[in-house]
Amino acid sequence: MADFSPVIGRVFGIDIQIHWTLLILLIFSLISPVFFIIILLLWACVFLHELSHSFIALKNKIKVKKIVLNLLGGASMIDTDKLKQDIEFKISIIGPIVSIFLGLLFGIFVIYLNGGILKQIIQSLFLLNMLLGILNLLPAFPLDGGRVFRSYLEKTRDFVKSTQITAKSTNIIAFLIIAGSLIYVGIESSSLIYKEFFVFWDIIIALFLYSGAQAELQSVYIKKYSSKLHAKDAITKNFILVKQPKTIDEIYNYILKFHTHLILFKDNNKIYLVSKFKNIYRQKNLISKNIANSNIIKSISIQIPAIQYNMPLSKALDLMGSNETSIIAVTKKNQVIGVLLESHVESIISLQMSKELNKINRKNEKTKKNNN
């Protein structure tokens, strides 16, 4: 359930997904037709906000993996490996501009509408889009403003230092949100339930910003301190690549013969992993009869992404995260030469980072001694 994000369509070749948290909000909003319409139209605006990021990325030949709409807004999964400072600025700034433009557009309609439900809906969309646009200009991760701020800092600083400064800015903003929230409820004379809800929601936002900053810092440190590692340095060869199995008996025999549960096969140049063994229990006809059925085999298999053997190991972690998988295939000249397991990759990167940081610390200590 945690990773349940159904694809609802494709635009410009990009998968559009809805996270389960947003689905729950939409279901909950059905208690009020007006509230449901506002939520539906608001997230349509959020989609346009995210689509604008993707459009600028595609225009600059940057790969866009997917767009995910969630409870707190949305996210465009953009390939950041070759993202230059000026392009990141353009991609990031367009989102708030689109939201503010939509807000102003709704504001114009409000002026000419008479009172009633329609005006209330349009007025709500005016306020919410303006709020969305302005909040996204805050210099904080993972908001657009954080990336705009970092790209501005990169004019005079390196990428790592710019990220560190933006992360500090994010933490300050998160603290100010919580402090401001507590001061507000202290002087506000509203009901206790309203105050609790207000503080609770602001804490959620502050935690969202803080966790976003930590995730961004971690990603930058991983790329910096593991730059010498490539996919080939962490591959596991305890797997077998076979023709697509036709029966459960085949799979069973492979496991016993090769002493591995990592069974891969290719179909139309896509790589699949036989993994959902528990689903076999639901295939009663397959247990009672040794039936050859490729569709049933596909039902207990998952497609996994692939990465070239000479790609940075940090790229493998990004690929796992964007595809919500803990395993990817490693290829060389279109041949599968191994697999990467998330836990194994994380261990190797952690050890490499520790090694590099110890080297830096020893160098700093040596410099201090020489200065003394």
Protein backbone atom coordinates (compact mmCIF):
# COMPACT_ATOMS: atom_id res chain seq x y z
CA MET A 1 0.00 0.00 0.00
CA ALA A 2 2.86 2.39 0.86
CA ASP A 3 4.03 2.49 -2.75
CA PHE A 4 0.61 2.27 -4.39
CA SER A 5 0.59 4.91 -7.13
CA PRO A 6 -1.60 3.90 -10.09
CA VAL A 7 -0.83 5.38 -13.51
CA ILE A 8 -3.81 7.44 -14.73
CA GLY A 9 -2.42 8.53 -18.09
CA ARG A 10 0.53 9.75 -20.15
CA VAL A 11 1.38 13.25 -21.37
CA PHE A 12 4.41 13.96 -23.59
CA GLY A 13 5.33 10.30 -23.02
CA ILE A 14 5.45 10.84 -19.24
CA ASP A 15 3.53 8.55 -16.87
CA ILE A 16 1.15 10.43 -14.56
CA GLN A 17 0.64 8.68 -11.20
CA ILE A 18 -1.64 9.37 -8.24
CA HIS A 19 -0.25 8.47 -4.83
CA TRP A 20 -2.55 6.58 -2.46
CA THR A 21 -2.56 9.54 -0.01
CA LEU A 22 -4.25 11.73 -2.63
CA LEU A 23 -6.76 8.98 -3.43
CA ILE A 24 -7.75 8.88 0.25
CA LEU A 25 -8.16 12.69 0.27
CA LEU A 26 -10.37 12.52 -2.82
CA ILE A 27 -12.52 9.80 -1.23
CA PHE A 28 -12.76 11.78 2.02
CA SER A 29 -13.74 14.94 0.11
CA LEU A 30 -16.84 13.18 -1.25
CA ILE A 31 -18.60 14.14 2.01
CA SER A 32 -19.11 17.56 0.40
CA PRO A 33 -19.68 17.99 -3.37
CA VAL A 34 -18.24 21.54 -3.25
CA PHE A 35 -15.14 20.40 -1.35
CA PHE A 36 -14.66 17.52 -3.81
CA ILE A 37 -14.81 19.87 -6.81
CA ILE A 38 -12.32 22.26 -5.19
CA ILE A 39 -9.89 19.41 -4.41
CA LEU A 40 -10.26 17.96 -7.90
CA LEU A 41 -9.67 21.30 -9.64
CA LEU A 42 -6.85 22.24 -7.28
CA TRP A 43 -4.93 19.06 -8.11
CA ALA A 44 -5.61 19.67 -11.78
CA CYS A 45 -3.78 22.96 -11.23
CA VAL A 46 -1.01 21.13 -9.34
CA PHE A 47 -0.71 18.82 -12.34
CA LEU A 48 -0.25 21.83 -14.65
CA HIS A 49 2.36 23.15 -12.20
CA GLU A 50 4.30 19.86 -12.40
CA LEU A 51 3.76 19.52 -16.13
CA SER A 52 5.39 22.92 -16.65
CA HIS A 53 8.55 21.60 -14.90
CA SER A 54 8.54 18.54 -17.16
CA PHE A 55 7.91 20.57 -20.31
CA ILE A 56 10.91 22.82 -19.70
CA ALA A 57 13.02 19.77 -18.85
CA LEU A 58 12.05 18.00 -22.07
CA LYS A 59 12.65 21.18 -24.04
CA ASN A 60 16.22 21.19 -22.68
CA LYS A 61 16.63 17.47 -23.50
CA ILE A 62 16.44 16.39 -19.85
CA LYS A 63 14.77 13.02 -19.27
CA VAL A 64 11.54 13.05 -17.23
CA LYS A 65 10.71 9.71 -15.60
CA LYS A 66 7.20 10.43 -14.29
CA ILE A 67 4.93 12.88 -12.47
CA VAL A 68 3.47 11.81 -9.12
CA LEU A 69 0.56 13.70 -7.53
CA ASN A 70 0.36 13.25 -3.75
CA LEU A 71 -1.29 14.66 -0.64
CA LEU A 72 1.20 17.54 -0.30
CA GLY A 73 1.20 18.47 -3.99
CA GLY A 74 3.25 16.71 -6.61
CA ALA A 75 6.70 15.82 -7.88
CA SER A 76 8.28 15.65 -11.32
CA MET A 77 10.90 12.88 -11.41
CA ILE A 78 13.58 14.53 -13.54
CA ASP A 79 17.01 13.12 -14.38
CA THR A 80 19.37 15.45 -12.49
CA ASP A 81 22.67 13.87 -13.57
CA LYS A 82 23.41 16.40 -16.31
CA LEU A 83 21.36 19.29 -14.93
CA LYS A 84 23.28 22.54 -15.30
CA GLN A 85 22.74 25.51 -13.00
CA ASP A 86 20.90 27.68 -15.53
CA ILE A 87 18.63 24.83 -16.67
CA GLU A 88 17.75 23.89 -13.07
CA PHE A 89 16.80 27.52 -12.48
CA LYS A 90 14.46 27.54 -15.50
CA ILE A 91 12.87 24.19 -14.61
CA SER A 92 12.32 25.21 -10.98
CA ILE A 93 11.04 28.77 -11.45
CA ILE A 94 8.40 27.88 -14.05
CA GLY A 95 6.24 25.96 -11.54
CA PRO A 96 5.53 28.90 -9.17
CA ILE A 97 5.04 31.18 -12.19
CA VAL A 98 2.35 28.83 -13.57
CA SER A 99 0.60 28.60 -10.17
CA ILE A 100 0.57 32.38 -9.72
CA PHE A 101 -0.67 32.82 -13.30
CA LEU A 102 -3.52 30.36 -12.66
CA GLY A 103 -4.31 32.17 -9.41
CA LEU A 104 -4.54 35.51 -11.18
CA LEU A 105 -6.68 33.94 -13.90
CA PHE A 106 -9.16 32.67 -11.28
CA GLY A 107 -8.97 36.08 -9.61
CA ILE A 108 -10.14 37.78 -12.81
CA PHE A 109 -13.14 35.42 -12.99
CA VAL A 110 -14.00 36.19 -9.34
CA ILE A 111 -14.31 39.90 -10.17
CA TYR A 112 -16.99 39.30 -12.80
CA LEU A 113 -18.93 36.49 -11.08
CA ASN A 114 -22.00 37.07 -8.98
CA GLY A 115 -22.28 35.47 -5.54
CA GLY A 116 -23.03 31.78 -5.13
CA ILE A 117 -21.33 28.39 -5.02
CA LEU A 118 -19.49 28.89 -8.31
CA LYS A 119 -17.92 32.11 -7.04
CA GLN A 120 -16.90 30.37 -3.79
CA ILE A 121 -15.17 27.61 -5.75
CA ILE A 122 -13.35 30.02 -8.07
CA GLN A 123 -12.37 32.24 -5.14
CA SER A 124 -10.95 29.23 -3.28
CA LEU A 125 -8.92 28.24 -6.35
CA PHE A 126 -7.64 31.82 -6.63
CA LEU A 127 -6.40 31.82 -3.03
CA LEU A 128 -5.01 28.25 -3.11
CA ASN A 129 -3.08 28.75 -6.35
CA MET A 130 -1.62 32.05 -5.17
CA LEU A 131 -0.62 30.36 -1.89
CA LEU A 132 0.89 27.43 -3.79
CA GLY A 133 2.90 29.74 -6.03
CA ILE A 134 4.17 31.98 -3.20
CA LEU A 135 5.05 29.07 -0.86
CA ASN A 136 7.00 27.41 -3.66
CA LEU A 137 9.19 30.49 -3.90
CA LEU A 138 10.49 29.98 -0.35
CA PRO A 139 14.23 29.10 -0.37
CA ALA A 140 13.66 25.65 1.09
CA PHE A 141 13.99 22.04 -0.08
CA PRO A 142 12.14 20.21 -1.55
CA LEU A 143 10.17 23.24 -2.77
CA ASP A 144 10.90 24.82 -6.13
CA GLY A 145 12.23 27.88 -4.33
CA GLY A 146 14.94 25.76 -2.73
CA ARG A 147 16.22 24.71 -6.14
CA VAL A 148 15.92 28.26 -7.47
CA PHE A 149 17.91 29.52 -4.47
CA ARG A 150 20.57 26.83 -4.88
CA SER A 151 20.98 27.52 -8.60
CA TYR A 152 21.43 31.22 -7.75
CA LEU A 153 24.10 30.39 -5.15
CA GLU A 154 25.93 28.22 -7.69
CA LYS A 155 26.92 31.35 -9.59
CA THR A 156 29.56 32.01 -6.90
CA ARG A 157 29.82 28.64 -5.07
CA ASP A 158 30.13 24.96 -5.89
CA PHE A 159 27.14 22.61 -5.95
CA VAL A 160 27.82 21.01 -2.54
CA LYS A 161 28.28 24.31 -0.70
CA SER A 162 25.16 25.75 -2.36
CA THR A 163 23.17 22.70 -1.25
CA GLN A 164 24.46 23.02 2.33
CA ILE A 165 23.45 26.69 2.52
CA THR A 166 19.99 25.93 1.08
CA ALA A 167 19.57 23.08 3.61
CA LYS A 168 20.36 25.51 6.45
CA SER A 169 17.84 27.96 5.00
CA THR A 170 15.28 25.15 4.93
CA ASN A 171 15.85 24.31 8.60
CA ILE A 172 15.46 27.97 9.60
CA ILE A 173 12.18 28.24 7.67
CA ALA A 174 10.92 24.98 9.24
CA PHE A 175 11.72 26.35 12.71
CA LEU A 176 10.01 29.67 11.94
CA ILE A 177 6.87 27.84 10.74
CA ILE A 178 6.57 25.94 14.03
CA ALA A 179 7.44 29.00 16.16
CA GLY A 180 4.99 31.17 14.23
CA SER A 181 2.30 28.52 14.55
CA LEU A 182 2.71 28.35 18.35
CA ILE A 183 2.66 32.14 18.69
CA TYR A 184 -0.46 32.36 16.51
CA VAL A 185 -2.47 29.79 18.49
CA GLY A 186 -1.30 31.49 21.69
CA ILE A 187 -2.95 34.78 20.77
CA GLU A 188 -5.84 33.33 18.69
CA SER A 189 -9.18 32.93 20.47
CA SER A 190 -10.49 30.08 18.29
CA SER A 191 -11.55 26.64 19.55
CA LEU A 192 -9.02 24.15 20.90
CA ILE A 193 -9.73 21.69 18.05
CA TYR A 194 -8.93 24.37 15.46
CA LYS A 195 -5.69 25.28 17.26
CA GLU A 196 -4.62 21.64 17.49
CA PHE A 197 -5.34 21.08 13.80
CA PHE A 198 -3.46 24.26 12.84
CA VAL A 199 -0.36 23.30 14.85
CA PHE A 200 -0.52 19.68 13.66
CA TRP A 201 -0.62 20.70 10.00
CA ASP A 202 2.24 23.20 10.42
CA ILE A 203 4.35 20.53 12.10
CA ILE A 204 3.68 18.21 9.13
CA ILE A 205 4.84 20.96 6.74
CA ALA A 206 7.95 21.67 8.85
CA LEU A 207 8.85 17.96 8.95
CA PHE A 208 8.26 17.75 5.20
CA LEU A 209 10.75 20.59 4.65
CA TYR A 210 13.30 19.20 7.12
CA SER A 211 13.19 15.67 5.64
CA GLY A 212 13.42 17.13 2.13
CA ALA A 213 16.56 19.05 3.06
CA GLN A 214 18.16 15.98 4.66
CA ALA A 215 17.33 13.84 1.62
CA GLU A 216 18.85 16.45 -0.72
CA LEU A 217 22.01 16.69 1.40
CA GLN A 218 22.35 12.92 1.53
CA SER A 219 21.96 12.65 -2.23
CA VAL A 220 24.64 15.29 -2.81
CA TYR A 221 27.06 13.67 -0.34
CA ILE A 222 26.53 10.26 -1.92
CA LYS A 223 27.30 11.61 -5.39
CA LYS A 224 30.37 13.48 -4.13
CA TYR A 225 31.99 10.82 -1.97
CA SER A 226 31.09 7.80 -4.09
CA SER A 227 32.00 9.33 -7.46
CA LYS A 228 34.77 6.73 -7.92
CA LEU A 229 32.32 3.84 -7.64
CA HIS A 230 30.50 2.41 -10.65
CA ALA A 231 27.76 -0.15 -11.10
CA LYS A 232 30.30 -2.87 -11.94
CA ASP A 233 31.90 -2.41 -8.48
CA ALA A 234 28.83 -3.65 -6.62
CA ILE A 235 27.29 -6.28 -8.87
CA THR A 236 26.05 -9.58 -7.50
CA LYS A 237 26.53 -12.57 -9.78
CA ASN A 238 24.41 -14.96 -7.75
CA PHE A 239 21.64 -14.97 -10.37
CA ILE A 240 20.67 -16.86 -13.51
CA LEU A 241 19.35 -15.53 -16.80
CA VAL A 242 17.10 -18.04 -18.54
CA LYS A 243 14.55 -18.24 -21.29
CA GLN A 244 11.09 -17.32 -20.05
CA PRO A 245 10.00 -20.20 -17.77
CA LYS A 246 6.82 -21.98 -18.80
CA THR A 247 5.97 -23.83 -15.59
CA ILE A 248 6.43 -23.60 -11.86
CA ASP A 249 8.39 -26.86 -12.03
CA GLU A 250 10.99 -25.12 -14.18
CA ILE A 251 11.40 -22.32 -11.63
CA TYR A 252 11.60 -24.81 -8.77
CA ASN A 253 14.31 -26.80 -10.55
CA TYR A 254 16.32 -23.64 -11.29
CA ILE A 255 16.30 -22.66 -7.61
CA LEU A 256 17.46 -26.11 -6.49
CA LYS A 257 20.09 -26.49 -9.20
CA PHE A 258 21.70 -23.03 -9.07
CA HIS A 259 21.06 -22.23 -5.36
CA THR A 260 19.64 -18.78 -6.07
CA HIS A 261 16.21 -17.19 -6.01
CA LEU A 262 17.29 -14.47 -8.47
CA ILE A 263 15.86 -15.79 -11.71
CA LEU A 264 15.82 -13.33 -14.63
CA PHE A 265 14.45 -13.66 -18.14
CA LYS A 266 14.06 -11.35 -21.13
CA ASP A 267 10.91 -10.62 -23.09
CA ASN A 268 10.84 -7.99 -25.88
CA ASN A 269 14.17 -6.58 -24.65
CA LYS A 270 12.69 -6.03 -21.18
CA ILE A 271 14.19 -7.76 -18.16
CA TYR A 272 11.94 -9.56 -15.68
CA LEU A 273 12.62 -11.02 -12.24
CA VAL A 274 10.62 -13.98 -10.96
CA SER A 275 9.89 -12.74 -7.46
CA LYS A 276 6.30 -13.01 -6.28
CA PHE A 277 6.55 -16.64 -5.17
CA LYS A 278 3.72 -16.23 -2.66
CA ASN A 279 1.34 -15.64 -5.57
CA ILE A 280 1.90 -19.24 -6.61
CA TYR A 281 -0.45 -20.37 -3.86
CA ARG A 282 -3.24 -18.51 -5.60
CA GLN A 283 -2.58 -20.34 -8.87
CA LYS A 284 -4.32 -23.59 -7.87
CA ASN A 285 -4.55 -24.85 -11.44
CA LEU A 286 -0.79 -24.44 -11.78
CA ILE A 287 -0.09 -26.55 -8.71
CA SER A 288 -2.50 -29.32 -9.61
CA LYS A 289 -1.43 -29.42 -13.27
CA ASN A 290 1.91 -28.78 -14.90
CA ILE A 291 0.48 -26.25 -17.36
CA ALA A 292 2.69 -24.15 -19.61
CA ASN A 293 1.31 -20.63 -19.35
CA SER A 294 3.56 -17.60 -19.91
CA ASN A 295 0.86 -15.25 -18.60
CA ILE A 296 0.85 -17.01 -15.23
CA ILE A 297 4.63 -16.83 -15.06
CA LYS A 298 4.39 -13.10 -15.86
CA SER A 299 1.93 -12.69 -12.97
CA ILE A 300 4.62 -13.75 -10.49
CA SER A 301 7.33 -11.67 -12.17
CA ILE A 302 8.20 -7.98 -12.15
CA GLN A 303 9.96 -5.89 -14.76
CA ILE A 304 13.18 -4.43 -13.42
CA PRO A 305 15.19 -1.49 -14.81
CA ALA A 306 18.73 -1.87 -16.12
CA ILE A 307 21.86 0.24 -15.82
CA GLN A 308 25.10 0.19 -17.80
CA TYR A 309 28.05 -1.34 -15.93
CA ASN A 310 30.13 1.88 -16.18
CA MET A 311 27.45 4.23 -14.79
CA PRO A 312 27.99 5.87 -11.34
CA LEU A 313 26.79 3.70 -8.47
CA SER A 314 24.85 6.66 -7.06
CA LYS A 315 22.80 6.62 -10.28
CA ALA A 316 21.75 3.05 -9.42
CA LEU A 317 20.27 4.22 -6.11
CA ASP A 318 18.37 6.99 -7.91
CA LEU A 319 17.07 4.43 -10.40
CA MET A 320 15.90 2.15 -7.60
CA GLY A 321 14.12 5.01 -5.88
CA SER A 322 12.34 6.31 -8.97
CA ASN A 323 11.23 2.79 -9.97
CA GLU A 324 10.35 1.74 -6.41
CA THR A 325 12.46 -1.41 -6.58
CA SER A 326 15.33 -2.87 -4.57
CA ILE A 327 16.98 -4.67 -7.49
CA ILE A 328 18.17 -3.64 -10.95
CA ALA A 329 20.05 -5.45 -13.70
CA VAL A 330 23.54 -4.43 -14.81
CA THR A 331 24.24 -4.67 -18.54
CA LYS A 332 27.25 -4.49 -20.83
CA LYS A 333 26.65 -4.36 -24.56
CA ASN A 334 23.01 -5.36 -23.99
CA GLN A 335 24.11 -8.46 -22.05
CA VAL A 336 23.11 -8.91 -18.40
CA ILE A 337 26.33 -9.34 -16.40
CA GLY A 338 24.93 -9.01 -12.88
CA VAL A 339 22.36 -7.45 -10.58
CA LEU A 340 22.50 -4.70 -7.97
CA LEU A 341 20.73 -5.19 -4.63
CA GLU A 342 19.76 -2.04 -2.75
CA SER A 343 21.10 -3.18 0.64
CA HIS A 344 24.43 -4.21 -0.92
CA VAL A 345 24.76 -0.93 -2.85
CA GLU A 346 23.96 1.13 0.26
CA SER A 347 26.58 -0.77 2.29
CA ILE A 348 29.32 -0.23 -0.30
CA ILE A 349 28.48 3.47 -0.69
CA SER A 350 28.40 3.95 3.11
CA LEU A 351 31.82 2.32 3.49
CA GLN A 352 33.24 4.39 0.64
CA MET A 353 31.83 7.61 2.14
CA SER A 354 33.28 6.70 5.54
CA LYS A 355 36.66 6.04 3.93
CA GLU A 356 36.64 9.37 2.06
CA LEU A 357 35.53 11.36 5.12
CA ASN A 358 38.24 9.75 7.29
CA LYS A 359 40.78 10.71 4.65
CA ILE A 360 39.52 14.32 4.73
CA ASN A 361 39.60 14.38 8.56
CA ARG A 362 43.19 13.07 8.64
CA LYS A 363 44.19 15.69 6.09
CA ASN A 364 42.56 18.46 8.16
CA GLU A 365 44.26 17.24 11.36
CA LYS A 366 47.62 17.15 9.59
CA THR A 367 47.06 20.71 8.34
CA LYS A 368 46.21 21.91 11.87
CA LYS A 369 49.39 20.33 13.29
CA ASN A 370 51.52 21.93 10.61
CA ASN A 371 49.93 25.31 11.30
CA ASN A 372 50.59 24.96 15.03
